[in-house]
């Protein structure tokens, strides 16, 4: 399964926030600059994650963003399911596939996807943000991927 850039950037935002001290507010601009991604793209991602409670966002002077819940409670499956527009691994209906009735590929791919989501669901944001020291050090160097 290949994740979209939208989900990739969502993970980057979450890892960034998880690597910061709990009381520190970050900004969309600083995250966009650190990762070399457009501010508007990060803004859309933050808005979606804030709506789901993964991020807490406050506007105005002194505002910013931080994790909306402990990093140990944010499982990776939840993030993927929130951010991916569709999790359907194959579309047999557009256009309609003439072998759809007897094809087993769809079942195999759906089973693989289920196993993938179960596997990533075993991990949390805390697993991605460790070791924090290494991640913070990379972020401070301004390294872009």
N, C-alpha and C. Protein backbone atom coordinates (compact mmCIF):
# COMPACT_ATOMS: atom_id res chain seq x y z
N UNK A 1 0.85 -1.18 0.00
CA UNK A 1 0.00 0.00 0.00
C UNK A 1 0.89 1.24 0.00
N UNK A 2 0.58 2.16 -0.84
CA UNK A 2 1.32 3.42 -0.90
C UNK A 2 0.44 4.52 -0.35
N UNK A 3 0.98 5.25 0.62
CA UNK A 3 0.24 6.36 1.22
C UNK A 3 0.40 7.61 0.37
N UNK A 4 -0.62 8.46 0.40
CA UNK A 4 -0.56 9.71 -0.34
C UNK A 4 0.39 10.69 0.35
N UNK A 5 0.78 11.72 -0.37
CA UNK A 5 1.61 12.78 0.21
C UNK A 5 0.88 13.44 1.38
N UNK A 6 -0.43 13.52 1.26
CA UNK A 6 -1.25 14.11 2.32
C UNK A 6 -1.02 13.38 3.65
N UNK A 7 -1.04 12.07 3.61
CA UNK A 7 -0.81 11.26 4.81
C UNK A 7 0.64 11.34 5.25
N UNK A 8 1.55 11.30 4.30
CA UNK A 8 2.98 11.43 4.61
C UNK A 8 3.23 12.73 5.37
N UNK A 9 2.70 13.83 4.87
CA UNK A 9 2.91 15.12 5.54
C UNK A 9 2.20 15.17 6.89
N UNK A 10 1.07 14.51 7.01
CA UNK A 10 0.39 14.46 8.30
C UNK A 10 1.28 13.78 9.34
N UNK A 11 1.93 12.69 8.95
CA UNK A 11 2.85 12.02 9.86
C UNK A 11 4.02 12.93 10.21
N UNK A 12 4.53 13.67 9.24
CA UNK A 12 5.64 14.59 9.51
C UNK A 12 5.22 15.65 10.54
N UNK A 13 4.03 16.19 10.36
CA UNK A 13 3.53 17.20 11.31
C UNK A 13 3.40 16.59 12.70
N UNK A 14 2.82 15.41 12.79
CA UNK A 14 2.64 14.76 14.09
C UNK A 14 3.98 14.43 14.74
N UNK A 15 4.93 13.92 13.97
CA UNK A 15 6.25 13.61 14.52
C UNK A 15 6.92 14.88 15.02
N UNK A 16 6.80 15.94 14.25
CA UNK A 16 7.37 17.22 14.66
C UNK A 16 6.78 17.67 15.99
N UNK A 17 5.46 17.66 16.08
CA UNK A 17 4.80 18.09 17.32
C UNK A 17 5.13 17.17 18.49
N UNK A 18 5.22 15.88 18.22
CA UNK A 18 5.53 14.91 19.29
C UNK A 18 6.97 15.07 19.79
N UNK A 19 7.83 15.65 18.96
CA UNK A 19 9.23 15.83 19.32
C UNK A 19 9.48 17.12 20.11
N UNK A 20 8.47 17.97 20.16
CA UNK A 20 8.59 19.24 20.88
C UNK A 20 8.17 19.06 22.34
N UNK A 21 8.65 19.93 23.22
CA UNK A 21 8.17 19.88 24.61
C UNK A 21 6.65 20.08 24.65
N UNK A 22 5.98 19.42 25.60
CA UNK A 22 4.52 19.44 25.66
C UNK A 22 3.92 20.84 25.74
N UNK A 23 4.63 21.77 26.38
CA UNK A 23 4.08 23.11 26.57
C UNK A 23 4.43 24.08 25.43
N UNK A 24 5.15 23.60 24.43
CA UNK A 24 5.56 24.48 23.33
C UNK A 24 4.54 24.45 22.20
N UNK A 25 4.13 25.63 21.77
CA UNK A 25 3.27 25.74 20.60
C UNK A 25 4.14 25.92 19.36
N UNK A 26 3.78 25.25 18.31
CA UNK A 26 4.47 25.38 17.03
C UNK A 26 3.55 26.11 16.07
N UNK A 27 4.09 26.52 14.94
CA UNK A 27 3.26 27.18 13.94
C UNK A 27 3.28 26.39 12.64
N UNK A 28 2.25 26.59 11.87
CA UNK A 28 2.17 25.96 10.55
C UNK A 28 3.35 26.42 9.70
N UNK A 29 3.68 27.68 9.79
CA UNK A 29 4.78 28.24 9.00
C UNK A 29 6.11 27.55 9.32
N UNK A 30 6.41 27.38 10.60
CA UNK A 30 7.70 26.76 10.95
C UNK A 30 7.77 25.31 10.48
N UNK A 31 6.66 24.60 10.58
CA UNK A 31 6.63 23.20 10.12
C UNK A 31 6.79 23.14 8.61
N UNK A 32 6.07 24.02 7.90
CA UNK A 32 6.18 24.07 6.44
C UNK A 32 7.62 24.35 6.02
N UNK A 33 8.27 25.27 6.70
CA UNK A 33 9.65 25.61 6.36
C UNK A 33 10.60 24.45 6.67
N UNK A 34 10.41 23.80 7.81
CA UNK A 34 11.29 22.68 8.18
C UNK A 34 11.26 21.56 7.15
N UNK A 35 10.06 21.27 6.63
CA UNK A 35 9.91 20.14 5.72
C UNK A 35 9.88 20.54 4.24
N UNK A 36 9.95 21.85 3.97
CA UNK A 36 9.94 22.30 2.58
C UNK A 36 8.64 22.01 1.87
N UNK A 37 7.54 22.17 2.59
CA UNK A 37 6.20 21.92 2.05
C UNK A 37 5.43 23.23 2.10
N UNK A 38 4.51 23.42 1.18
CA UNK A 38 3.77 24.68 1.16
C UNK A 38 2.95 24.86 2.44
N UNK A 39 2.88 26.11 2.87
CA UNK A 39 2.13 26.47 4.07
C UNK A 39 0.66 26.09 3.93
N UNK A 40 0.09 26.34 2.76
CA UNK A 40 -1.34 26.05 2.56
C UNK A 40 -1.61 24.54 2.66
N UNK A 41 -0.68 23.73 2.19
CA UNK A 41 -0.86 22.28 2.27
C UNK A 41 -0.82 21.83 3.73
N UNK A 42 0.14 22.34 4.48
CA UNK A 42 0.23 22.00 5.91
C UNK A 42 -1.01 22.50 6.64
N UNK A 43 -1.49 23.68 6.27
CA UNK A 43 -2.68 24.24 6.91
C UNK A 43 -3.89 23.32 6.73
N UNK A 44 -4.09 22.78 5.54
CA UNK A 44 -5.21 21.86 5.29
C UNK A 44 -5.09 20.60 6.14
N UNK A 45 -3.88 20.09 6.24
CA UNK A 45 -3.62 18.89 7.02
C UNK A 45 -3.88 19.14 8.50
N UNK A 46 -3.37 20.26 9.00
CA UNK A 46 -3.57 20.62 10.41
C UNK A 46 -5.05 20.81 10.71
N UNK A 47 -5.77 21.45 9.80
CA UNK A 47 -7.20 21.67 10.00
C UNK A 47 -7.95 20.34 10.14
N UNK A 48 -7.63 19.40 9.28
CA UNK A 48 -8.28 18.09 9.32
C UNK A 48 -7.94 17.34 10.61
N UNK A 49 -6.68 17.38 11.01
CA UNK A 49 -6.28 16.67 12.22
C UNK A 49 -6.82 17.37 13.47
N UNK A 50 -6.94 18.68 13.43
CA UNK A 50 -7.52 19.41 14.57
C UNK A 50 -9.00 19.04 14.72
N UNK A 51 -9.69 18.90 13.60
CA UNK A 51 -11.10 18.50 13.64
C UNK A 51 -11.30 17.12 14.24
N UNK A 52 -10.29 16.27 14.11
CA UNK A 52 -10.36 14.92 14.65
C UNK A 52 -9.79 14.83 16.07
N UNK A 53 -9.28 15.94 16.58
CA UNK A 53 -8.76 15.97 17.94
C UNK A 53 -7.31 15.50 18.08
N UNK A 54 -6.65 15.23 16.97
CA UNK A 54 -5.25 14.81 17.03
C UNK A 54 -4.33 15.98 17.36
N UNK A 55 -4.75 17.17 16.93
CA UNK A 55 -3.99 18.39 17.15
C UNK A 55 -4.89 19.41 17.81
N UNK A 56 -4.32 20.18 18.69
CA UNK A 56 -5.03 21.33 19.28
C UNK A 56 -4.48 22.58 18.60
N UNK A 57 -5.35 23.38 18.05
CA UNK A 57 -4.93 24.60 17.36
C UNK A 57 -5.61 25.81 18.00
N UNK A 58 -4.84 26.86 18.20
CA UNK A 58 -5.41 28.12 18.70
C UNK A 58 -4.94 29.24 17.79
N UNK A 59 -5.84 30.16 17.50
CA UNK A 59 -5.55 31.26 16.58
C UNK A 59 -5.14 32.50 17.33
N UNK A 60 -4.65 33.45 16.57
CA UNK A 60 -4.33 34.76 17.12
C UNK A 60 -2.93 34.84 17.69
N UNK A 61 -2.66 36.02 18.25
CA UNK A 61 -1.34 36.24 18.84
C UNK A 61 -1.12 35.26 20.00
N UNK A 62 0.02 34.63 20.01
CA UNK A 62 0.30 33.64 21.04
C UNK A 62 -0.31 32.28 20.73
N UNK A 63 -0.95 32.16 19.57
CA UNK A 63 -1.57 30.89 19.18
C UNK A 63 -0.57 29.96 18.53
N UNK A 64 -1.04 28.81 18.18
CA UNK A 64 -0.19 27.82 17.52
C UNK A 64 -0.82 26.45 17.61
N UNK A 65 -0.03 25.45 17.36
CA UNK A 65 -0.54 24.08 17.38
C UNK A 65 0.34 23.20 18.25
N UNK A 66 -0.29 22.19 18.81
CA UNK A 66 0.40 21.17 19.59
C UNK A 66 -0.44 19.90 19.50
N UNK A 67 0.08 18.81 20.00
CA UNK A 67 -0.70 17.57 19.99
C UNK A 67 -1.99 17.77 20.79
N UNK A 68 -3.05 17.16 20.33
CA UNK A 68 -4.34 17.26 21.01
C UNK A 68 -4.55 16.17 22.03
N UNK A 69 -3.67 15.20 22.05
CA UNK A 69 -3.73 14.10 23.01
C UNK A 69 -2.33 13.51 23.14
N UNK A 70 -2.10 12.71 24.17
CA UNK A 70 -0.76 12.13 24.34
C UNK A 70 -0.33 11.30 23.13
N UNK A 71 0.93 11.41 22.78
CA UNK A 71 1.44 10.69 21.60
C UNK A 71 1.29 9.18 21.73
N UNK A 72 1.21 8.68 22.95
CA UNK A 72 1.04 7.23 23.17
C UNK A 72 -0.36 6.75 22.81
N UNK A 73 -1.31 7.67 22.65
CA UNK A 73 -2.69 7.28 22.34
C UNK A 73 -3.06 7.47 20.87
N UNK A 74 -2.16 8.00 20.08
CA UNK A 74 -2.44 8.23 18.65
C UNK A 74 -1.86 7.06 17.86
N UNK A 75 -2.74 6.14 17.45
CA UNK A 75 -2.22 5.00 16.69
C UNK A 75 -2.17 5.32 15.20
N UNK A 76 -1.21 4.71 14.53
CA UNK A 76 -0.93 5.03 13.14
C UNK A 76 -2.10 4.70 12.21
N UNK A 77 -2.83 3.65 12.53
CA UNK A 77 -3.98 3.29 11.71
C UNK A 77 -5.00 4.42 11.69
N UNK A 78 -5.23 5.00 12.84
CA UNK A 78 -6.21 6.10 12.93
C UNK A 78 -5.80 7.26 12.03
N UNK A 79 -4.53 7.57 12.01
CA UNK A 79 -4.04 8.67 11.18
C UNK A 79 -4.24 8.34 9.70
N UNK A 80 -3.89 7.13 9.32
CA UNK A 80 -4.04 6.72 7.92
C UNK A 80 -5.51 6.75 7.51
N UNK A 81 -6.37 6.21 8.34
CA UNK A 81 -7.80 6.19 7.99
C UNK A 81 -8.38 7.60 7.92
N UNK A 82 -7.88 8.50 8.72
CA UNK A 82 -8.35 9.89 8.68
C UNK A 82 -7.88 10.60 7.42
N UNK A 83 -6.63 10.42 7.07
CA UNK A 83 -6.02 11.22 6.02
C UNK A 83 -6.21 10.67 4.61
N UNK A 84 -6.32 9.39 4.45
CA UNK A 84 -6.46 8.82 3.11
C UNK A 84 -7.88 9.05 2.58
N UNK A 85 -7.97 9.54 1.37
CA UNK A 85 -9.27 9.80 0.77
C UNK A 85 -10.05 8.51 0.55
N UNK A 86 -9.34 7.48 0.17
CA UNK A 86 -9.98 6.18 0.00
C UNK A 86 -8.98 5.09 0.40
N UNK A 87 -9.50 4.05 0.96
CA UNK A 87 -8.65 2.91 1.32
C UNK A 87 -8.99 1.70 0.48
N UNK A 88 -9.76 1.91 -0.57
CA UNK A 88 -10.13 0.81 -1.46
C UNK A 88 -8.91 0.49 -2.33
N UNK A 89 -8.34 -0.72 -2.21
CA UNK A 89 -7.10 -1.03 -2.92
C UNK A 89 -7.26 -1.21 -4.43
N UNK A 90 -8.45 -1.51 -4.89
CA UNK A 90 -8.69 -1.69 -6.33
C UNK A 90 -10.14 -1.32 -6.62
N UNK A 91 -10.35 -0.74 -7.79
CA UNK A 91 -11.70 -0.34 -8.19
C UNK A 91 -12.10 -1.16 -9.42
N UNK A 92 -13.01 -2.08 -9.21
CA UNK A 92 -13.45 -2.96 -10.29
C UNK A 92 -14.67 -2.41 -11.04
N UNK A 93 -15.13 -1.22 -10.61
CA UNK A 93 -16.38 -0.70 -11.14
C UNK A 93 -16.23 0.50 -12.07
N UNK A 94 -15.05 1.09 -12.15
CA UNK A 94 -14.89 2.29 -12.97
C UNK A 94 -13.59 2.24 -13.73
N UNK A 95 -13.55 1.79 -14.93
CA UNK A 95 -14.68 1.17 -15.65
C UNK A 95 -14.92 -0.25 -15.14
N UNK A 96 -16.09 -0.74 -15.36
CA UNK A 96 -16.45 -2.08 -14.91
C UNK A 96 -15.53 -3.10 -15.57
N UNK A 97 -14.93 -3.93 -14.76
CA UNK A 97 -14.01 -4.95 -15.25
C UNK A 97 -14.82 -6.18 -15.70
N UNK A 98 -14.53 -6.67 -16.87
CA UNK A 98 -15.31 -7.79 -17.41
C UNK A 98 -15.05 -9.10 -16.69
N UNK A 99 -13.97 -9.22 -15.94
CA UNK A 99 -13.70 -10.46 -15.21
C UNK A 99 -14.03 -10.34 -13.72
N UNK A 100 -14.65 -9.25 -13.36
CA UNK A 100 -14.96 -8.95 -11.96
C UNK A 100 -15.66 -10.11 -11.25
N UNK A 101 -16.59 -10.74 -11.92
CA UNK A 101 -17.41 -11.80 -11.31
C UNK A 101 -16.58 -12.99 -10.84
N UNK A 102 -15.52 -13.33 -11.55
CA UNK A 102 -14.73 -14.51 -11.21
C UNK A 102 -13.32 -14.20 -10.73
N UNK A 103 -12.98 -12.95 -10.60
CA UNK A 103 -11.62 -12.56 -10.24
C UNK A 103 -11.43 -12.60 -8.72
N UNK A 104 -10.32 -13.13 -8.29
CA UNK A 104 -10.02 -13.20 -6.86
C UNK A 104 -9.03 -12.13 -6.40
N UNK A 105 -8.54 -11.33 -7.34
CA UNK A 105 -7.56 -10.30 -7.00
C UNK A 105 -8.11 -9.33 -5.94
N UNK A 106 -9.35 -8.92 -6.11
CA UNK A 106 -9.94 -7.96 -5.17
C UNK A 106 -9.90 -8.51 -3.74
N UNK A 107 -10.28 -9.75 -3.55
CA UNK A 107 -10.27 -10.36 -2.21
C UNK A 107 -8.86 -10.41 -1.63
N UNK A 108 -7.90 -10.76 -2.46
CA UNK A 108 -6.51 -10.83 -2.00
C UNK A 108 -6.03 -9.45 -1.56
N UNK A 109 -6.30 -8.44 -2.37
CA UNK A 109 -5.85 -7.08 -2.04
C UNK A 109 -6.55 -6.52 -0.80
N UNK A 110 -7.83 -6.79 -0.65
CA UNK A 110 -8.55 -6.33 0.54
C UNK A 110 -8.00 -7.02 1.79
N UNK A 111 -7.67 -8.30 1.69
CA UNK A 111 -7.09 -9.02 2.83
C UNK A 111 -5.71 -8.45 3.18
N UNK A 112 -4.92 -8.15 2.17
CA UNK A 112 -3.59 -7.56 2.40
C UNK A 112 -3.72 -6.19 3.06
N UNK A 113 -4.68 -5.43 2.61
CA UNK A 113 -4.90 -4.10 3.21
C UNK A 113 -5.34 -4.22 4.66
N UNK A 114 -6.21 -5.15 4.95
CA UNK A 114 -6.67 -5.37 6.32
C UNK A 114 -5.48 -5.72 7.22
N UNK A 115 -4.63 -6.61 6.73
CA UNK A 115 -3.44 -6.99 7.50
C UNK A 115 -2.50 -5.81 7.70
N UNK A 116 -2.34 -5.00 6.67
CA UNK A 116 -1.50 -3.81 6.77
C UNK A 116 -2.03 -2.87 7.85
N UNK A 117 -3.32 -2.57 7.82
CA UNK A 117 -3.91 -1.66 8.79
C UNK A 117 -3.85 -2.22 10.21
N UNK A 118 -4.05 -3.53 10.35
CA UNK A 118 -3.91 -4.15 11.67
C UNK A 118 -2.47 -4.02 12.17
N UNK A 119 -1.52 -4.21 11.28
CA UNK A 119 -0.12 -4.12 11.67
C UNK A 119 0.25 -2.70 12.12
N UNK A 120 -0.07 -1.69 11.30
CA UNK A 120 0.29 -0.33 11.68
C UNK A 120 -0.49 0.14 12.90
N UNK A 121 -1.65 -0.45 13.13
CA UNK A 121 -2.46 -0.10 14.30
C UNK A 121 -1.82 -0.51 15.61
N UNK A 122 -0.80 -1.34 15.55
CA UNK A 122 -0.08 -1.76 16.76
C UNK A 122 0.90 -0.68 17.24
N UNK A 123 1.15 0.31 16.42
CA UNK A 123 2.14 1.34 16.72
C UNK A 123 1.46 2.68 16.97
N UNK A 124 2.12 3.49 17.76
CA UNK A 124 1.59 4.82 18.07
C UNK A 124 2.59 5.89 17.62
N UNK A 125 2.15 7.12 17.72
CA UNK A 125 3.01 8.26 17.42
C UNK A 125 4.25 8.24 18.31
N UNK A 126 4.12 7.75 19.52
CA UNK A 126 5.27 7.66 20.42
C UNK A 126 6.37 6.79 19.81
N UNK A 127 5.98 5.74 19.09
CA UNK A 127 6.97 4.88 18.43
C UNK A 127 7.72 5.63 17.32
N UNK A 128 7.03 6.54 16.64
CA UNK A 128 7.66 7.30 15.56
C UNK A 128 8.55 8.42 16.08
N UNK A 129 8.20 8.95 17.23
CA UNK A 129 8.91 10.11 17.77
C UNK A 129 10.13 9.72 18.60
N UNK A 130 10.43 8.45 18.66
CA UNK A 130 11.60 8.00 19.42
C UNK A 130 12.69 7.57 18.44
N UNK A 131 13.91 7.81 18.68
CA UNK A 131 14.40 8.59 19.81
C UNK A 131 14.26 10.09 19.54
N UNK A 132 13.62 10.77 20.44
CA UNK A 132 13.33 12.20 20.29
C UNK A 132 14.60 13.01 20.05
N UNK A 133 15.65 12.69 20.75
CA UNK A 133 16.89 13.46 20.63
C UNK A 133 17.37 13.47 19.18
N UNK A 134 17.34 12.34 18.52
CA UNK A 134 17.79 12.26 17.13
C UNK A 134 16.90 13.06 16.21
N UNK A 135 15.61 12.97 16.40
CA UNK A 135 14.67 13.69 15.55
C UNK A 135 14.81 15.19 15.75
N UNK A 136 14.87 15.64 16.99
CA UNK A 136 15.03 17.06 17.28
C UNK A 136 16.33 17.58 16.67
N UNK A 137 17.38 16.80 16.77
CA UNK A 137 18.66 17.20 16.21
C UNK A 137 18.56 17.39 14.69
N UNK A 138 17.88 16.49 14.00
CA UNK A 138 17.67 16.62 12.56
C UNK A 138 16.82 17.84 12.23
N UNK A 139 15.77 18.05 13.00
CA UNK A 139 14.88 19.20 12.77
C UNK A 139 15.65 20.51 12.98
N UNK A 140 16.50 20.54 13.97
CA UNK A 140 17.26 21.76 14.25
C UNK A 140 18.28 22.07 13.16
N UNK A 141 18.72 21.05 12.45
CA UNK A 141 19.65 21.27 11.35
C UNK A 141 18.92 21.80 10.11
N UNK A 142 17.58 21.75 10.15
CA UNK A 142 16.81 22.23 9.02
C UNK A 142 16.86 21.31 7.84
N UNK A 143 17.12 20.06 8.09
CA UNK A 143 17.23 19.05 7.03
C UNK A 143 15.88 18.88 6.36
N UNK A 144 15.87 18.86 5.04
CA UNK A 144 14.65 18.63 4.26
C UNK A 144 14.74 17.29 3.58
N UNK A 145 13.55 16.62 3.49
CA UNK A 145 13.50 15.34 2.78
C UNK A 145 12.77 15.50 1.49
